[in-house]
Amino acid sequence: MIALAQCRAGFEREAAADVAHLAAAAGAQVRGDIGGGAGWVAAELAGLDRRRWREALAASPAVFCRTLFIGTGPHALVPAPGSTPQARGPVDRVTPLMAALSGLDATADALWLEYPDTNEGKALSTLARALGPRLETVLRERGLLADASAPQRAERNRLRFHVFLADGATAYVGTSIAETGSAWPMGIPRLRMPGRAPSRSTLKLAEAFAVLLGEREHELVHAGKRAVDLGAAPGGWTWQLAQRGVRVTAVDNGALKGEVAQDPLVTHVRDDGFRFRPRRPVDWVVCDIVEQPSRVATLMARWMKDGDAQRAMFNLKLPMKKRYAEVERATAIIDAGVGDVDVRLAFRHLYHDREEVTGFLERATPSRRATPSRARPRRG
C-alpha cells in the first residue's frame, strides 16, 4: 500500500515526517525510504489497517501535507520505449488508469485529477483536464463513481478517488475520506485576492478559517463577534475579520492602510502586540507578527490561560532547517503554557503560507479571565 502526499515544493522532508508519524500512529511501518519528487512524497506502508489510519488522521492531522491518500503505484501509463511497437494515434492512458482504479476495490463520490504544484507539474494540467471527464464517464458506467445528478450522500466516510500524475507517463491512484482530507484538489483553495484588501495576507486568514474551522467557520466568525488583531498593520487580517462583520481591535504601532483604517468596526490601538491585553475577553485573538516561534507560542498560550480570548489563529515563522522540530517545540510550549486549561491545538502549512505554519487554538470552555490583565491597552 502506498501513501502519497502533496506539499509545497521544498517541504518534502516535512511531508515525509508527517507520513511517518501517521503510519506509526496507525501501527504501520514505512518500508524503505520515502521517495517522491518536487512537491510530493510517496511511502510504501506495510501492515496498514485502514480503520486505524482514519483514526490517526482524525486525531492528529498532517501539518505539512496538502493532500494525502492511500492507494497503489507507480503505474505506467504509456509503454516503455522499445517494449512494443508504437501505433500511430493518441496514447491510451484511460485503460491503464481504469485498471489501477478498479484494483482499489472501492466506490467513491468524486474523482480528483492532481499533479505536482510546480512549474513542471503545471504543464500536466491540460492532460489532467482531458483525462478527468473520460475517467468519470467510465467509472460511472462501471458503477464505481456516484452519479453526478444524484443527491450527495449525507453519511460520513465518503470516499474520493485520486489520480496523481507524477508525469505524463506515470501515475499513482488511491482514495481519501472527505472528512479528514483537503477540501480542494491539490490542497489549493478557490480564493480570489479581494481588490480592496490592504495586503495579500488576508488570503492566509481566509484559508485558515476554511481549513481549520471547516463546517464551523460561519458559526464561529460572524457579525457580533469581537476580535483582537496583534501586529495588525497594514491590516490584511483585520480587513478579513471586518468584512465578516467582526468588531476588531487592531493593535500595531504601524499604520493601517486603505479602507480598513476608516472602517467603523475597527479600532486602531498603537501598542506593542506582546504587551497589549483587552479590557474584557474577546471571541478571537489573531496574530501574524514576525517574531521567534517560541515567543509567539508563549503569547498565545498566555491569552488562553488567562481567558483573554476563546480562540486564536496565529502564524509561526519557521527556520529554514528543523521546521518539523520547531512545530513540535511550539506545541510543547503551548501545552505547558496553558496549564490546566483544556484546549484544542492544530497546525497546518496552508497553501498561502510560505516559511510559516498557521496555528488554531481553542478553549474547551468559555473564556473567563482567570487573573487580572497584566497590561492595559493604551487608547490612541
Protein backbone atom coordinates (compact mmCIF):
# COMPACT_ATOMS: atom_id res chain seq x y z
CA MET A 1 0.00 0.00 0.00
CA ILE A 2 1.26 3.47 -0.92
CA ALA A 3 0.67 6.73 0.96
CA LEU A 4 1.06 9.73 -1.35
CA ALA A 5 1.14 13.31 -0.07
CA GLN A 6 1.39 16.64 -1.83
CA CYS A 7 3.12 19.60 -0.25
CA ARG A 8 4.76 22.91 -1.10
CA ALA A 9 7.94 22.36 -3.12
CA GLY A 10 10.88 22.40 -0.72
CA PHE A 11 8.85 20.89 2.15
CA GLU A 12 9.17 17.25 1.07
CA ARG A 13 11.17 16.31 4.17
CA GLU A 14 8.46 17.71 6.44
CA ALA A 15 5.69 15.97 4.48
CA ALA A 16 7.62 12.71 4.75
CA ALA A 17 7.83 13.21 8.52
CA ASP A 18 4.04 13.69 8.59
CA VAL A 19 3.52 10.40 6.75
CA ALA A 20 5.95 8.57 9.04
CA HIS A 21 4.23 9.91 12.17
CA LEU A 22 0.79 8.94 10.87
CA ALA A 23 1.99 5.48 9.89
CA ALA A 24 3.42 4.92 13.37
CA ALA A 25 0.16 6.10 14.98
CA ALA A 26 -1.76 3.67 12.75
CA GLY A 27 0.51 0.77 13.63
CA ALA A 28 2.01 0.55 10.14
CA GLN A 29 5.64 0.51 9.06
CA VAL A 30 7.30 2.55 6.35
CA ARG A 31 9.08 0.08 4.08
CA GLY A 32 12.32 1.52 2.72
CA ASP A 33 12.97 5.20 2.14
CA ILE A 34 10.20 7.72 1.49
CA GLY A 35 10.68 8.90 -2.10
CA GLY A 36 8.88 11.23 -4.47
CA GLY A 37 9.68 14.43 -6.30
CA ALA A 38 9.35 18.19 -6.06
CA GLY A 39 6.10 18.95 -4.24
CA TRP A 40 5.19 15.36 -3.33
CA VAL A 41 6.30 12.26 -1.45
CA ALA A 42 5.30 8.59 -1.62
CA ALA A 43 5.84 5.93 1.01
CA GLU A 44 5.22 2.18 0.93
CA LEU A 45 3.40 1.14 4.09
CA ALA A 46 3.40 -2.40 5.49
CA GLY A 47 0.71 -3.70 7.82
CA LEU A 48 -1.64 -0.76 7.27
CA ASP A 49 -5.11 -1.01 8.79
CA ARG A 50 -7.45 1.50 7.13
CA ARG A 51 -9.58 1.99 10.22
CA ARG A 52 -6.54 2.85 12.34
CA TRP A 53 -5.25 5.12 9.55
CA ARG A 54 -8.54 7.05 9.61
CA GLU A 55 -8.36 7.33 13.37
CA ALA A 56 -4.78 8.63 13.19
CA LEU A 57 -5.76 11.25 10.60
CA ALA A 58 -8.69 12.42 12.72
CA ALA A 59 -6.71 12.52 15.96
CA SER A 60 -3.53 14.15 14.61
CA PRO A 61 -3.91 15.61 11.09
CA ALA A 62 -0.81 16.10 8.98
CA VAL A 63 0.79 19.54 9.26
CA PHE A 64 2.72 19.82 6.00
CA CYS A 65 0.69 17.57 3.66
CA ARG A 66 -1.79 19.46 1.50
CA THR A 67 -3.46 16.28 0.28
CA LEU A 68 -2.89 12.70 1.36
CA PHE A 69 -4.30 9.46 0.02
CA ILE A 70 -3.76 5.70 0.32
CA GLY A 71 -3.51 3.59 -2.82
CA THR A 72 -1.17 1.99 -5.31
CA GLY A 73 1.54 2.95 -7.75
CA PRO A 74 3.51 3.92 -9.61
CA HIS A 75 1.51 2.81 -12.66
CA ALA A 76 2.91 3.13 -16.18
CA LEU A 77 0.53 4.98 -18.48
CA VAL A 78 2.48 4.57 -21.70
CA PRO A 79 4.54 1.63 -22.96
CA ALA A 80 8.21 1.74 -22.14
CA PRO A 81 10.36 2.80 -25.13
CA GLY A 82 11.19 -0.20 -27.26
CA SER A 83 8.91 -2.61 -25.35
CA THR A 84 6.17 -2.80 -28.00
CA PRO A 85 5.64 -1.34 -31.45
CA GLN A 86 4.13 2.11 -31.16
CA ALA A 87 0.85 2.55 -33.03
CA ARG A 88 0.00 5.84 -34.61
CA GLY A 89 -2.57 7.99 -32.82
CA PRO A 90 -3.07 9.27 -29.26
CA VAL A 91 -1.77 7.33 -26.26
CA ASP A 92 -4.50 5.50 -24.33
CA ARG A 93 -3.98 6.41 -20.68
CA VAL A 94 -7.59 5.71 -19.66
CA THR A 95 -7.27 1.91 -19.90
CA PRO A 96 -4.28 1.56 -17.52
CA LEU A 97 -5.77 4.12 -15.14
CA MET A 98 -9.10 2.28 -15.07
CA ALA A 99 -7.29 -0.97 -14.35
CA ALA A 100 -5.50 0.70 -11.43
CA LEU A 101 -8.66 2.36 -10.07
CA SER A 102 -10.68 -0.86 -10.38
CA GLY A 103 -7.97 -2.62 -8.39
CA LEU A 104 -8.70 -0.38 -5.40
CA ASP A 105 -11.93 -2.33 -4.83
CA ALA A 106 -13.83 0.81 -3.84
CA THR A 107 -16.63 3.12 -4.92
CA ALA A 108 -16.40 6.89 -4.48
CA ASP A 109 -18.36 10.11 -4.68
CA ALA A 110 -15.75 12.16 -6.53
CA LEU A 111 -12.65 11.90 -8.71
CA TRP A 112 -9.72 14.26 -8.34
CA LEU A 113 -7.03 14.52 -11.05
CA GLU A 114 -3.91 16.01 -9.48
CA TYR A 115 -0.29 16.78 -10.33
CA PRO A 116 2.67 18.47 -8.59
CA ASP A 117 2.21 22.14 -7.76
CA THR A 118 5.43 23.15 -9.52
CA ASN A 119 6.19 24.85 -12.81
CA GLU A 120 6.95 21.46 -14.34
CA GLY A 121 3.86 19.90 -12.80
CA LYS A 122 1.54 22.60 -14.09
CA ALA A 123 2.45 21.51 -17.63
CA LEU A 124 0.30 18.43 -16.84
CA SER A 125 -2.85 20.50 -16.24
CA THR A 126 -4.02 20.12 -19.85
CA LEU A 127 -3.60 16.35 -19.67
CA ALA A 128 -5.46 16.23 -16.34
CA ARG A 129 -8.38 18.25 -17.73
CA ALA A 130 -8.64 15.92 -20.70
CA LEU A 131 -8.46 12.71 -18.66
CA GLY A 132 -10.91 13.75 -15.94
CA PRO A 133 -14.22 13.66 -17.88
CA ARG A 134 -13.25 10.47 -19.70
CA LEU A 135 -12.36 8.66 -16.50
CA GLU A 136 -15.51 9.87 -14.74
CA THR A 137 -17.67 8.55 -17.58
CA VAL A 138 -16.13 5.09 -17.47
CA LEU A 139 -16.17 4.97 -13.66
CA ARG A 140 -19.88 5.78 -13.62
CA GLU A 141 -20.62 3.24 -16.33
CA ARG A 142 -18.97 0.58 -14.15
CA GLY A 143 -20.76 1.72 -11.00
CA LEU A 144 -17.58 2.86 -9.28
CA LEU A 145 -18.43 6.57 -9.12
CA ALA A 146 -21.65 8.12 -7.83
CA ASP A 147 -23.97 9.66 -10.39
CA ALA A 148 -23.27 13.39 -10.57
CA SER A 149 -27.02 14.13 -10.69
CA ALA A 150 -27.80 12.08 -7.58
CA PRO A 151 -28.11 13.85 -4.20
CA GLN A 152 -24.83 13.86 -2.30
CA ARG A 153 -24.75 11.27 0.42
CA ALA A 154 -25.01 12.63 3.94
CA GLU A 155 -23.23 9.81 5.76
CA ARG A 156 -19.66 10.13 6.92
CA ASN A 157 -16.59 8.41 5.49
CA ARG A 158 -17.42 9.38 1.89
CA LEU A 159 -14.56 8.36 -0.40
CA ARG A 160 -12.77 10.28 -3.12
CA PHE A 161 -10.76 8.74 -5.92
CA HIS A 162 -7.37 10.35 -6.55
CA VAL A 163 -5.28 10.12 -9.70
CA PHE A 164 -1.91 11.77 -9.21
CA LEU A 165 0.12 12.35 -12.37
CA ALA A 166 3.76 12.24 -11.34
CA ASP A 167 4.50 12.95 -15.00
CA GLY A 168 2.87 12.26 -18.34
CA ALA A 169 3.84 8.58 -18.23
CA THR A 170 3.40 7.67 -14.55
CA ALA A 171 0.54 7.90 -12.06
CA TYR A 172 -0.49 6.90 -8.56
CA VAL A 173 -4.10 6.15 -7.66
CA GLY A 174 -5.90 5.90 -4.35
CA THR A 175 -8.67 7.05 -2.06
CA SER A 176 -9.12 9.52 0.75
CA ILE A 177 -12.01 10.34 3.07
CA ALA A 178 -13.63 13.74 2.64
CA GLU A 179 -13.92 14.41 6.38
CA THR A 180 -10.18 14.01 7.02
CA GLY A 181 -8.88 15.25 3.67
CA SER A 182 -8.42 18.53 1.86
CA ALA A 183 -11.44 20.49 0.74
CA TRP A 184 -9.80 21.19 -2.64
CA PRO A 185 -7.85 19.15 -5.22
CA MET A 186 -4.10 19.54 -4.70
CA GLY A 187 -4.92 21.41 -1.49
CA ILE A 188 -5.25 24.67 -3.43
CA PRO A 189 -8.20 26.77 -2.18
CA ARG A 190 -10.52 28.58 -4.55
CA LEU A 191 -9.89 32.05 -3.16
CA ARG A 192 -9.51 35.31 -5.05
CA MET A 193 -7.50 38.27 -3.84
CA PRO A 194 -10.00 40.99 -2.84
CA GLY A 195 -9.14 44.20 -4.63
CA ARG A 196 -9.94 46.36 -1.59
CA ALA A 197 -7.84 44.40 0.92
CA PRO A 198 -4.68 46.20 2.08
CA SER A 199 -2.41 43.16 1.66
CA ARG A 200 -2.33 39.60 0.32
CA SER A 201 -2.03 38.31 3.88
CA THR A 202 -5.83 38.50 4.05
CA LEU A 203 -5.89 35.28 1.99
CA LYS A 204 -3.94 33.47 4.71
CA LEU A 205 -6.62 34.17 7.29
CA ALA A 206 -9.44 33.35 4.87
CA GLU A 207 -7.82 29.98 4.11
CA ALA A 208 -7.09 29.36 7.79
CA PHE A 209 -10.75 29.79 8.67
CA ALA A 210 -11.84 27.48 5.84
CA VAL A 211 -9.29 24.74 6.58
CA LEU A 212 -9.00 24.79 10.35
CA LEU A 213 -12.64 25.57 11.19
CA GLY A 214 -14.29 23.60 8.40
CA GLU A 215 -18.06 23.41 8.81
CA ARG A 216 -17.84 25.61 11.93
CA GLU A 217 -16.48 28.62 10.02
CA HIS A 218 -19.74 30.56 9.74
CA GLU A 219 -20.75 29.60 13.27
CA LEU A 220 -17.55 31.00 14.81
CA VAL A 221 -16.74 34.02 12.59
CA HIS A 222 -19.69 36.33 12.00
CA ALA A 223 -21.23 39.70 12.87
CA GLY A 224 -21.40 40.29 16.59
CA LYS A 225 -18.09 38.58 17.37
CA ARG A 226 -15.17 40.57 18.80
CA ALA A 227 -11.51 40.10 17.95
CA VAL A 228 -8.04 41.47 18.62
CA ASP A 229 -5.50 41.50 15.78
CA LEU A 230 -1.95 41.63 17.15
CA GLY A 231 0.59 43.09 14.74
CA ALA A 232 -2.25 44.24 12.51
CA ALA A 233 -0.54 46.66 10.09
CA PRO A 234 -1.13 47.10 7.22
CA GLY A 235 -4.47 45.45 8.02
CA GLY A 236 -4.96 42.33 5.89
CA TRP A 237 -6.21 40.15 8.74
CA THR A 238 -8.21 43.00 10.28
CA TRP A 239 -9.88 43.61 6.90
CA GLN A 240 -10.81 39.92 6.60
CA LEU A 241 -12.44 39.95 10.03
CA ALA A 242 -14.27 43.24 9.49
CA GLN A 243 -15.64 42.01 6.15
CA ARG A 244 -17.32 39.23 8.11
CA GLY A 245 -18.90 41.72 10.50
CA VAL A 246 -16.46 41.12 13.36
CA ARG A 247 -15.60 44.12 15.56
CA VAL A 248 -11.79 44.33 15.62
CA THR A 249 -9.22 45.99 17.86
CA ALA A 250 -6.20 46.30 15.55
CA VAL A 251 -3.00 46.51 17.61
CA ASP A 252 0.13 47.83 15.93
CA ASN A 253 2.41 50.84 16.22
CA GLY A 254 2.33 50.99 12.41
CA ALA A 255 -0.45 52.48 10.31
CA LEU A 256 -3.39 50.65 8.76
CA LYS A 257 -3.75 51.14 5.02
CA GLY A 258 -6.73 51.67 2.76
CA GLU A 259 -10.40 51.49 3.70
CA VAL A 260 -9.80 49.35 6.79
CA ALA A 261 -8.32 52.43 8.54
CA GLN A 262 -11.75 54.11 8.40
CA ASP A 263 -13.90 51.02 8.94
CA PRO A 264 -16.37 51.68 11.80
CA LEU A 265 -15.88 48.12 13.02
CA VAL A 266 -12.14 48.71 13.51
CA THR A 267 -10.41 50.41 16.44
CA HIS A 268 -6.71 51.01 15.87
CA VAL A 269 -4.62 50.88 19.05
CA ARG A 270 -0.98 51.89 18.75
CA ASP A 271 0.70 49.46 21.11
CA ASP A 272 3.08 46.51 21.26
CA GLY A 273 1.28 43.30 20.35
CA PHE A 274 3.21 41.39 23.02
CA ARG A 275 2.14 43.84 25.73
CA PHE A 276 -1.48 44.56 24.83
CA ARG A 277 -4.31 42.84 26.71
CA PRO A 278 -8.05 43.52 26.22
CA ARG A 279 -10.20 45.04 28.95
CA ARG A 280 -12.55 42.08 28.73
CA PRO A 281 -12.38 38.69 26.99
CA VAL A 282 -12.88 38.56 23.24
CA ASP A 283 -14.01 35.80 20.91
CA TRP A 284 -10.81 35.81 18.84
CA VAL A 285 -7.19 36.83 19.01
CA VAL A 286 -5.29 36.64 15.71
CA CYS A 287 -1.58 37.19 15.31
CA ASP A 288 0.74 37.44 12.31
CA ILE A 289 3.77 39.01 13.97
CA VAL A 290 7.25 38.36 12.54
CA GLU A 291 8.93 37.02 15.66
CA GLN A 292 10.54 33.90 17.07
CA PRO A 293 8.03 31.00 17.03
CA SER A 294 8.65 30.25 20.70
CA ARG A 295 7.75 33.79 21.67
CA VAL A 296 4.50 33.76 19.66
CA ALA A 297 3.59 30.34 21.07
CA THR A 298 4.16 31.61 24.61
CA LEU A 299 1.99 34.66 23.90
CA MET A 300 -0.91 32.60 22.54
CA ALA A 301 -0.74 30.20 25.49
CA ARG A 302 -0.93 33.13 27.89
CA TRP A 303 -4.02 34.53 26.18
CA MET A 304 -5.73 31.14 26.54
CA LYS A 305 -4.61 30.54 30.12
CA ASP A 306 -5.69 33.99 31.30
CA GLY A 307 -9.03 33.75 29.49
CA ASP A 308 -8.45 36.82 27.31
CA ALA A 309 -9.79 35.04 24.19
CA GLN A 310 -11.86 32.00 23.39
CA ARG A 311 -9.96 31.15 20.21
CA ALA A 312 -6.71 32.10 18.49
CA MET A 313 -5.45 31.95 14.92
CA PHE A 314 -1.75 32.70 14.54
CA ASN A 315 1.31 32.19 12.35
CA LEU A 316 4.69 30.84 13.33
CA LYS A 317 7.62 31.91 11.13
CA LEU A 318 9.76 28.79 10.74
CA PRO A 319 13.54 28.48 10.42
CA MET A 320 14.95 27.09 7.19
CA LYS A 321 16.08 23.93 8.99
CA LYS A 322 14.31 21.75 11.56
CA ARG A 323 10.87 23.06 10.65
CA TYR A 324 9.10 19.98 11.96
CA ALA A 325 11.02 20.15 15.22
CA GLU A 326 10.06 23.82 15.59
CA VAL A 327 6.36 22.97 15.31
CA GLU A 328 6.80 20.24 17.93
CA ARG A 329 8.61 22.72 20.17
CA ALA A 330 5.80 25.27 19.82
CA THR A 331 3.27 22.56 20.65
CA ALA A 332 5.16 21.71 23.83
CA ILE A 333 5.37 25.39 24.80
CA ILE A 334 1.62 25.84 24.38
CA ASP A 335 0.79 22.61 26.20
CA ALA A 336 2.88 23.75 29.15
CA GLY A 337 1.79 27.38 28.96
CA VAL A 338 -1.98 26.84 29.15
CA GLY A 339 -1.62 24.99 32.46
CA ASP A 340 -4.79 23.13 33.38
CA VAL A 341 -6.91 24.90 30.74
CA ASP A 342 -8.38 22.35 28.32
CA VAL A 343 -7.54 23.44 24.76
CA ARG A 344 -7.56 22.10 21.23
CA LEU A 345 -4.49 22.88 19.10
CA ALA A 346 -3.89 22.27 15.39
CA PHE A 347 -1.18 23.39 12.97
CA ARG A 348 -1.32 23.41 9.17
CA HIS A 349 1.06 24.58 6.48
CA LEU A 350 -1.51 26.30 4.28
CA TYR A 351 -1.30 26.97 0.57
CA HIS A 352 -0.90 30.72 1.21
CA ASP A 353 1.74 30.12 3.89
CA ARG A 354 5.36 30.21 2.87
CA GLU A 355 8.08 29.71 5.51
CA GLU A 356 5.48 29.53 8.25
CA VAL A 357 2.65 27.42 9.64
CA THR A 358 -0.75 28.56 10.86
CA GLY A 359 -1.99 27.53 14.28
CA PHE A 360 -5.52 27.30 15.65
CA LEU A 361 -6.02 27.26 19.41
CA GLU A 362 -9.39 26.91 21.11
CA ARG A 363 -10.52 26.74 24.72
CA ALA A 364 -12.87 23.89 25.55
CA THR A 365 -14.77 26.11 28.00
CA PRO A 366 -15.95 29.74 27.63
CA SER A 367 -13.28 32.36 28.21
CA ARG A 368 -13.34 33.95 31.62
CA ARG A 369 -10.29 35.90 32.68
CA ALA A 370 -8.59 33.85 35.34
CA THR A 371 -6.28 36.62 36.54
CA PRO A 372 -6.28 40.41 36.17
CA SER A 373 -4.68 41.60 32.95
CA ARG A 374 -1.04 42.49 33.43
CA ALA A 375 -1.11 45.29 30.86
CA ARG A 376 -3.93 47.58 29.93
CA PRO A 377 -4.44 48.89 26.40
CA ARG A 378 -3.49 52.43 25.61
CA ARG A 379 -6.26 54.01 23.61
CA GLY A 380 -4.99 56.18 20.80
